[in-house]
Amino acid sequence: MVQRLTLRRRLSYNTKSNKRRVVRTPGGRLVYLYVKKQRTLPKCGQCKEKLAGIKPSRPSERPRMSRRLKTVTRTFGGVLCHRCLRERIIRAFLIDEQKVVKVLRAQQQAKTTGKAPKVPKASKTSKTAAAKPTKATGKSK
């Protein structure tokens, strides 16, 4: 005759969170062993590729894990993969270079035509005027 098994928890329904495995104990009894859900690796925010160097874990386990297991010591480590980060850095650099080239072209064109170059001005806020204390009260505006 087959040994009957009793549930160890109250939940009796066959759900994703209530998976069980039958295990034989050293005493010879058959008991249920509750199986946890499979751990997953975080994915890159841009290309959705699995991130390397990070330990797979369930969301509830992450607060108890140390920082070195959850991230990589790099900018956007644990958020973006190395390829997407490299792409982002190169794109930012090239955009800055484009701005410099635009200014240089305008200056060269101005030399050849004899007109004053139109250089885009950086917007300045009057923080220095607002931060100066008044003579009457001694407080800043």
N, C-alpha and C. Protein backbone atom coordinates (compact mmCIF):
# COMPACT_ATOMS: atom_id res chain seq x y z
N MET A 1 0.83 -1.18 0.00
CA MET A 1 0.00 0.00 0.00
C MET A 1 0.88 1.25 0.00
N VAL A 2 0.44 2.28 -0.75
CA VAL A 2 1.19 3.53 -0.88
C VAL A 2 0.95 4.41 0.32
N GLN A 3 2.04 5.05 0.79
CA GLN A 3 1.92 5.94 1.94
C GLN A 3 1.22 7.23 1.53
N ARG A 4 0.28 7.68 2.34
CA ARG A 4 -0.44 8.92 2.05
C ARG A 4 0.36 10.09 2.57
N LEU A 5 0.32 11.21 1.82
CA LEU A 5 1.07 12.40 2.18
C LEU A 5 0.13 13.49 2.67
N THR A 6 0.56 14.21 3.69
CA THR A 6 -0.23 15.34 4.18
C THR A 6 0.51 16.63 3.85
N LEU A 7 -0.27 17.67 3.56
CA LEU A 7 0.32 18.97 3.24
C LEU A 7 0.90 19.59 4.50
N ARG A 8 1.99 20.31 4.35
CA ARG A 8 2.64 20.95 5.50
C ARG A 8 2.15 22.38 5.69
N ARG A 9 1.57 22.96 4.65
CA ARG A 9 1.05 24.33 4.70
C ARG A 9 -0.47 24.28 4.54
N ARG A 10 -1.12 25.39 4.78
CA ARG A 10 -2.58 25.44 4.68
C ARG A 10 -3.09 25.44 3.24
N LEU A 11 -2.30 26.05 2.33
CA LEU A 11 -2.74 26.17 0.94
C LEU A 11 -2.79 24.79 0.28
N SER A 12 -3.97 24.41 -0.19
CA SER A 12 -4.12 23.07 -0.76
C SER A 12 -4.24 23.06 -2.27
N TYR A 13 -4.37 24.26 -2.86
CA TYR A 13 -4.56 24.34 -4.31
C TYR A 13 -3.23 24.20 -5.06
N ASN A 14 -3.33 23.68 -6.28
CA ASN A 14 -2.14 23.44 -7.09
C ASN A 14 -1.79 24.71 -7.87
N THR A 15 -1.18 25.68 -7.18
CA THR A 15 -0.84 26.96 -7.80
C THR A 15 0.65 27.03 -8.10
N LYS A 16 1.07 28.12 -8.78
CA LYS A 16 2.50 28.29 -9.11
C LYS A 16 3.35 28.44 -7.86
N SER A 17 2.78 29.04 -6.82
CA SER A 17 3.54 29.26 -5.59
C SER A 17 3.47 28.08 -4.62
N ASN A 18 2.70 27.04 -4.96
CA ASN A 18 2.52 25.90 -4.05
C ASN A 18 2.99 24.60 -4.68
N LYS A 19 4.12 24.66 -5.39
CA LYS A 19 4.65 23.44 -6.01
C LYS A 19 5.32 22.59 -4.94
N ARG A 20 5.13 21.27 -5.07
CA ARG A 20 5.67 20.34 -4.07
C ARG A 20 6.43 19.21 -4.75
N ARG A 21 7.39 18.65 -4.01
CA ARG A 21 8.17 17.51 -4.48
C ARG A 21 8.12 16.45 -3.39
N VAL A 22 7.99 15.21 -3.78
CA VAL A 22 7.96 14.12 -2.79
C VAL A 22 9.40 13.68 -2.51
N VAL A 23 9.76 13.66 -1.22
CA VAL A 23 11.12 13.32 -0.81
C VAL A 23 11.06 12.26 0.29
N ARG A 24 11.97 11.30 0.23
CA ARG A 24 12.06 10.29 1.27
C ARG A 24 13.04 10.77 2.34
N THR A 25 12.62 10.82 3.57
CA THR A 25 13.46 11.28 4.69
C THR A 25 14.40 10.15 5.12
N PRO A 26 15.43 10.49 5.90
CA PRO A 26 16.33 9.43 6.41
C PRO A 26 15.60 8.39 7.27
N GLY A 27 14.46 8.79 7.85
CA GLY A 27 13.66 7.86 8.66
C GLY A 27 12.79 6.94 7.82
N GLY A 28 12.79 7.14 6.50
CA GLY A 28 12.04 6.26 5.61
C GLY A 28 10.64 6.77 5.26
N ARG A 29 10.25 7.92 5.80
CA ARG A 29 8.91 8.46 5.51
C ARG A 29 8.93 9.24 4.20
N LEU A 30 7.79 9.38 3.58
CA LEU A 30 7.65 10.24 2.40
C LEU A 30 6.98 11.54 2.85
N VAL A 31 7.62 12.67 2.50
CA VAL A 31 7.05 13.98 2.87
C VAL A 31 7.11 14.92 1.67
N TYR A 32 6.28 15.97 1.73
CA TYR A 32 6.31 16.99 0.70
C TYR A 32 7.43 17.99 1.00
N LEU A 33 8.17 18.38 -0.05
CA LEU A 33 9.17 19.44 0.06
C LEU A 33 8.68 20.54 -0.86
N TYR A 34 8.46 21.73 -0.32
CA TYR A 34 7.94 22.84 -1.13
C TYR A 34 9.06 23.44 -1.97
N VAL A 35 8.81 23.57 -3.26
CA VAL A 35 9.81 24.07 -4.21
C VAL A 35 9.59 25.56 -4.42
N LYS A 36 10.67 26.35 -4.30
CA LYS A 36 10.57 27.78 -4.53
C LYS A 36 10.57 28.08 -6.01
N LYS A 37 10.09 29.27 -6.37
CA LYS A 37 10.07 29.67 -7.78
C LYS A 37 11.51 29.86 -8.26
N GLN A 38 11.70 29.68 -9.57
CA GLN A 38 13.03 29.80 -10.15
C GLN A 38 13.49 31.25 -10.11
N ARG A 39 14.77 31.43 -9.80
CA ARG A 39 15.35 32.77 -9.75
C ARG A 39 15.67 33.25 -11.15
N THR A 40 15.53 34.53 -11.39
CA THR A 40 15.83 35.08 -12.72
C THR A 40 16.91 36.15 -12.64
N LEU A 41 17.57 36.35 -13.76
CA LEU A 41 18.58 37.40 -13.87
C LEU A 41 17.89 38.68 -14.33
N PRO A 42 18.33 39.83 -13.82
CA PRO A 42 17.78 41.09 -14.35
C PRO A 42 18.20 41.29 -15.79
N LYS A 43 17.41 42.02 -16.55
CA LYS A 43 17.69 42.24 -17.96
C LYS A 43 18.05 43.70 -18.22
N CYS A 44 18.79 43.92 -19.31
CA CYS A 44 19.20 45.26 -19.73
C CYS A 44 17.95 46.09 -20.03
N GLY A 45 17.94 47.33 -19.59
CA GLY A 45 16.80 48.21 -19.80
C GLY A 45 16.59 48.59 -21.25
N GLN A 46 17.62 48.47 -22.07
CA GLN A 46 17.52 48.90 -23.46
C GLN A 46 17.31 47.72 -24.41
N CYS A 47 18.21 46.72 -24.36
CA CYS A 47 18.14 45.61 -25.33
C CYS A 47 17.51 44.34 -24.76
N LYS A 48 17.15 44.34 -23.49
CA LYS A 48 16.48 43.22 -22.80
C LYS A 48 17.33 41.95 -22.75
N GLU A 49 18.65 42.10 -22.81
CA GLU A 49 19.56 40.96 -22.70
C GLU A 49 19.86 40.72 -21.22
N LYS A 50 20.11 39.47 -20.84
CA LYS A 50 20.42 39.15 -19.44
C LYS A 50 21.74 39.82 -19.05
N LEU A 51 21.78 40.41 -17.85
CA LEU A 51 22.96 41.11 -17.39
C LEU A 51 23.96 40.14 -16.78
N ALA A 52 25.22 40.29 -17.15
CA ALA A 52 26.28 39.42 -16.64
C ALA A 52 26.80 39.96 -15.31
N GLY A 53 27.29 39.07 -14.46
CA GLY A 53 27.92 39.47 -13.21
C GLY A 53 26.97 39.72 -12.07
N ILE A 54 25.70 39.38 -12.24
CA ILE A 54 24.71 39.59 -11.20
C ILE A 54 24.08 38.27 -10.83
N LYS A 55 23.93 38.05 -9.53
CA LYS A 55 23.41 36.76 -9.05
C LYS A 55 21.90 36.68 -9.29
N PRO A 56 21.43 35.55 -9.86
CA PRO A 56 19.98 35.40 -10.04
C PRO A 56 19.29 35.34 -8.68
N SER A 57 18.14 36.03 -8.56
CA SER A 57 17.44 36.05 -7.28
C SER A 57 15.97 36.40 -7.48
N ARG A 58 15.19 36.08 -6.46
CA ARG A 58 13.79 36.46 -6.44
C ARG A 58 13.72 37.90 -5.88
N PRO A 59 12.71 38.66 -6.24
CA PRO A 59 12.60 40.04 -5.75
C PRO A 59 12.60 40.14 -4.22
N SER A 60 12.02 39.17 -3.54
CA SER A 60 11.97 39.22 -2.08
C SER A 60 13.33 38.94 -1.44
N GLU A 61 14.23 38.29 -2.16
CA GLU A 61 15.57 37.99 -1.63
C GLU A 61 16.51 39.18 -1.77
N ARG A 62 16.27 40.04 -2.75
CA ARG A 62 17.22 41.12 -3.08
C ARG A 62 17.54 42.07 -1.93
N PRO A 63 16.57 42.47 -1.12
CA PRO A 63 16.93 43.38 -0.01
C PRO A 63 17.92 42.76 0.98
N ARG A 64 17.92 41.45 1.11
CA ARG A 64 18.82 40.79 2.06
C ARG A 64 20.21 40.52 1.46
N MET A 65 20.34 40.65 0.14
CA MET A 65 21.62 40.38 -0.53
C MET A 65 22.54 41.59 -0.40
N SER A 66 23.85 41.33 -0.44
CA SER A 66 24.79 42.45 -0.38
C SER A 66 24.85 43.16 -1.73
N ARG A 67 25.35 44.38 -1.71
CA ARG A 67 25.35 45.23 -2.91
C ARG A 67 26.16 44.61 -4.05
N ARG A 68 27.27 43.97 -3.72
CA ARG A 68 28.14 43.42 -4.77
C ARG A 68 27.48 42.28 -5.55
N LEU A 69 26.48 41.64 -4.98
CA LEU A 69 25.77 40.56 -5.68
C LEU A 69 24.68 41.10 -6.61
N LYS A 70 24.22 42.34 -6.35
CA LYS A 70 23.11 42.90 -7.10
C LYS A 70 23.53 43.84 -8.22
N THR A 71 24.79 44.25 -8.26
CA THR A 71 25.22 45.25 -9.22
C THR A 71 26.62 44.99 -9.73
N VAL A 72 27.03 45.77 -10.72
CA VAL A 72 28.39 45.71 -11.27
C VAL A 72 29.00 47.08 -11.04
N THR A 73 30.27 47.15 -10.66
CA THR A 73 30.89 48.45 -10.37
C THR A 73 31.24 49.17 -11.66
N ARG A 74 30.21 49.79 -12.22
CA ARG A 74 30.34 50.53 -13.47
C ARG A 74 29.13 51.46 -13.53
N THR A 75 29.23 52.54 -14.29
CA THR A 75 28.08 53.42 -14.45
C THR A 75 26.94 52.60 -15.05
N PHE A 76 25.75 52.76 -14.53
CA PHE A 76 24.56 52.01 -14.94
C PHE A 76 24.75 50.50 -14.74
N GLY A 77 25.63 50.08 -13.83
CA GLY A 77 25.83 48.66 -13.54
C GLY A 77 24.57 48.08 -12.93
N GLY A 78 24.09 46.98 -13.48
CA GLY A 78 22.86 46.37 -12.99
C GLY A 78 21.62 46.92 -13.65
N VAL A 79 21.80 47.88 -14.59
CA VAL A 79 20.67 48.48 -15.31
C VAL A 79 20.85 48.29 -16.81
N LEU A 80 22.05 48.64 -17.32
CA LEU A 80 22.35 48.50 -18.74
C LEU A 80 23.49 47.50 -18.94
N CYS A 81 23.47 46.80 -20.07
CA CYS A 81 24.58 45.90 -20.39
C CYS A 81 25.75 46.73 -20.91
N HIS A 82 26.92 46.13 -21.00
CA HIS A 82 28.13 46.88 -21.38
C HIS A 82 28.04 47.43 -22.80
N ARG A 83 27.37 46.72 -23.69
CA ARG A 83 27.27 47.19 -25.09
C ARG A 83 26.41 48.44 -25.20
N CYS A 84 25.26 48.42 -24.52
CA CYS A 84 24.35 49.58 -24.57
C CYS A 84 24.99 50.81 -23.90
N LEU A 85 25.72 50.58 -22.82
CA LEU A 85 26.40 51.68 -22.13
C LEU A 85 27.47 52.29 -23.03
N ARG A 86 28.23 51.44 -23.70
CA ARG A 86 29.29 51.90 -24.62
C ARG A 86 28.67 52.74 -25.75
N GLU A 87 27.57 52.25 -26.29
CA GLU A 87 26.85 52.97 -27.34
C GLU A 87 26.40 54.35 -26.86
N ARG A 88 25.87 54.39 -25.65
CA ARG A 88 25.37 55.64 -25.07
C ARG A 88 26.51 56.65 -24.87
N ILE A 89 27.67 56.17 -24.39
CA ILE A 89 28.82 57.06 -24.17
C ILE A 89 29.32 57.60 -25.50
N ILE A 90 29.44 56.74 -26.50
CA ILE A 90 29.92 57.16 -27.83
C ILE A 90 28.95 58.16 -28.45
N ARG A 91 27.65 57.90 -28.33
CA ARG A 91 26.65 58.81 -28.88
C ARG A 91 26.76 60.20 -28.25
N ALA A 92 26.91 60.25 -26.92
CA ALA A 92 27.04 61.53 -26.21
C ALA A 92 28.29 62.28 -26.66
N PHE A 93 29.39 61.55 -26.83
CA PHE A 93 30.65 62.15 -27.27
C PHE A 93 30.50 62.74 -28.67
N LEU A 94 29.88 61.99 -29.58
CA LEU A 94 29.73 62.44 -30.96
C LEU A 94 28.80 63.66 -31.06
N ILE A 95 27.78 63.71 -30.22
CA ILE A 95 26.88 64.87 -30.21
C ILE A 95 27.64 66.12 -29.77
N ASP A 96 28.50 65.98 -28.73
CA ASP A 96 29.33 67.10 -28.29
C ASP A 96 30.28 67.54 -29.39
N GLU A 97 30.87 66.59 -30.08
CA GLU A 97 31.81 66.90 -31.18
C GLU A 97 31.08 67.64 -32.30
N GLN A 98 29.85 67.25 -32.58
CA GLN A 98 29.06 67.92 -33.62
C GLN A 98 28.85 69.38 -33.28
N LYS A 99 28.58 69.66 -32.02
CA LYS A 99 28.38 71.04 -31.59
C LYS A 99 29.64 71.87 -31.79
N VAL A 100 30.80 71.29 -31.46
CA VAL A 100 32.08 71.99 -31.61
C VAL A 100 32.35 72.27 -33.09
N VAL A 101 32.10 71.28 -33.93
CA VAL A 101 32.33 71.44 -35.38
C VAL A 101 31.42 72.53 -35.94
N LYS A 102 30.19 72.60 -35.46
CA LYS A 102 29.24 73.61 -35.92
C LYS A 102 29.77 75.03 -35.62
N VAL A 103 30.30 75.21 -34.41
CA VAL A 103 30.84 76.51 -34.00
C VAL A 103 32.06 76.86 -34.85
N LEU A 104 32.94 75.90 -35.08
CA LEU A 104 34.15 76.14 -35.88
C LEU A 104 33.78 76.50 -37.32
N ARG A 105 32.80 75.83 -37.88
CA ARG A 105 32.37 76.13 -39.25
C ARG A 105 31.83 77.55 -39.34
N ALA A 106 31.04 77.94 -38.33
CA ALA A 106 30.47 79.29 -38.32
C ALA A 106 31.58 80.33 -38.26
N GLN A 107 32.61 80.06 -37.47
CA GLN A 107 33.74 81.00 -37.35
C GLN A 107 34.51 81.09 -38.67
N GLN A 108 34.72 79.96 -39.31
CA GLN A 108 35.44 79.95 -40.60
C GLN A 108 34.66 80.69 -41.67
N GLN A 109 33.36 80.46 -41.69
CA GLN A 109 32.51 81.13 -42.66
C GLN A 109 32.50 82.63 -42.44
N ALA A 110 32.54 83.04 -41.18
CA ALA A 110 32.55 84.46 -40.85
C ALA A 110 33.85 85.11 -41.32
N LYS A 111 34.95 84.39 -41.23
CA LYS A 111 36.25 84.92 -41.69
C LYS A 111 36.23 85.14 -43.19
N THR A 112 35.65 84.19 -43.92
CA THR A 112 35.64 84.29 -45.39
C THR A 112 34.67 85.37 -45.87
N THR A 113 33.52 85.52 -45.22
CA THR A 113 32.54 86.53 -45.65
C THR A 113 32.78 87.88 -45.02
N GLY A 114 33.44 87.94 -43.89
CA GLY A 114 33.73 89.20 -43.22
C GLY A 114 32.67 89.62 -42.22
N LYS A 115 31.70 88.78 -41.93
CA LYS A 115 30.65 89.08 -40.95
C LYS A 115 31.04 88.52 -39.58
N ALA A 116 30.41 89.06 -38.55
CA ALA A 116 30.65 88.57 -37.19
C ALA A 116 29.98 87.20 -37.05
N PRO A 117 30.67 86.22 -36.43
CA PRO A 117 30.09 84.88 -36.30
C PRO A 117 28.92 84.85 -35.31
N LYS A 118 27.93 84.01 -35.61
CA LYS A 118 26.80 83.81 -34.69
C LYS A 118 27.11 82.61 -33.81
N VAL A 119 27.59 82.88 -32.62
CA VAL A 119 27.93 81.82 -31.68
C VAL A 119 26.78 81.66 -30.71
N PRO A 120 26.24 80.45 -30.55
CA PRO A 120 25.14 80.28 -29.61
C PRO A 120 25.59 80.56 -28.18
N LYS A 121 24.81 81.44 -27.49
CA LYS A 121 25.18 81.84 -26.13
C LYS A 121 24.57 80.87 -25.12
N ALA A 122 25.33 80.61 -24.06
CA ALA A 122 24.82 79.77 -22.98
C ALA A 122 23.92 80.64 -22.12
N SER A 123 22.78 80.09 -21.72
CA SER A 123 21.84 80.88 -20.91
C SER A 123 22.37 81.03 -19.50
N LYS A 124 22.50 82.30 -19.07
CA LYS A 124 22.99 82.59 -17.73
C LYS A 124 21.83 83.08 -16.88
N THR A 125 21.76 82.56 -15.67
CA THR A 125 20.75 83.05 -14.74
C THR A 125 21.42 84.04 -13.82
N SER A 126 20.68 85.00 -13.35
CA SER A 126 21.27 86.04 -12.49
C SER A 126 21.26 85.59 -11.04
N LYS A 127 21.97 84.50 -10.78
CA LYS A 127 22.07 83.99 -9.41
C LYS A 127 22.99 84.87 -8.58
N THR A 128 24.01 85.45 -9.21
CA THR A 128 24.97 86.28 -8.48
C THR A 128 24.30 87.54 -7.94
N ALA A 129 23.39 88.14 -8.71
CA ALA A 129 22.70 89.35 -8.27
C ALA A 129 21.71 89.02 -7.15
N ALA A 130 21.05 87.87 -7.25
CA ALA A 130 20.06 87.48 -6.25
C ALA A 130 20.71 87.04 -4.95
N ALA A 131 21.92 86.53 -5.02
CA ALA A 131 22.59 86.01 -3.83
C ALA A 131 23.25 87.10 -3.00
N LYS A 132 23.46 88.30 -3.57
CA LYS A 132 24.12 89.39 -2.83
C LYS A 132 23.18 89.93 -1.77
N PRO A 133 23.68 90.14 -0.56
CA PRO A 133 22.83 90.68 0.51
C PRO A 133 22.54 92.17 0.28
N THR A 134 21.38 92.60 0.72
CA THR A 134 21.03 94.03 0.62
C THR A 134 21.70 94.78 1.77
N LYS A 135 21.89 96.09 1.58
CA LYS A 135 22.59 96.90 2.59
C LYS A 135 21.73 97.16 3.82
N ALA A 136 20.42 97.28 3.63
CA ALA A 136 19.54 97.66 4.74
C ALA A 136 19.35 96.51 5.74
N THR A 137 19.03 95.30 5.26
CA THR A 137 18.70 94.21 6.17
C THR A 137 19.83 93.22 6.38
N GLY A 138 20.68 93.07 5.39
CA GLY A 138 21.77 92.11 5.51
C GLY A 138 21.35 90.70 5.11
N LYS A 139 20.13 90.56 4.63
CA LYS A 139 19.62 89.25 4.19
C LYS A 139 19.67 89.18 2.68
N SER A 140 19.77 87.95 2.17
CA SER A 140 19.74 87.78 0.72
C SER A 140 18.31 87.80 0.22
N LYS A 141 18.11 88.20 -1.02
CA LYS A 141 16.76 88.31 -1.59
C LYS A 141 16.17 86.94 -1.85
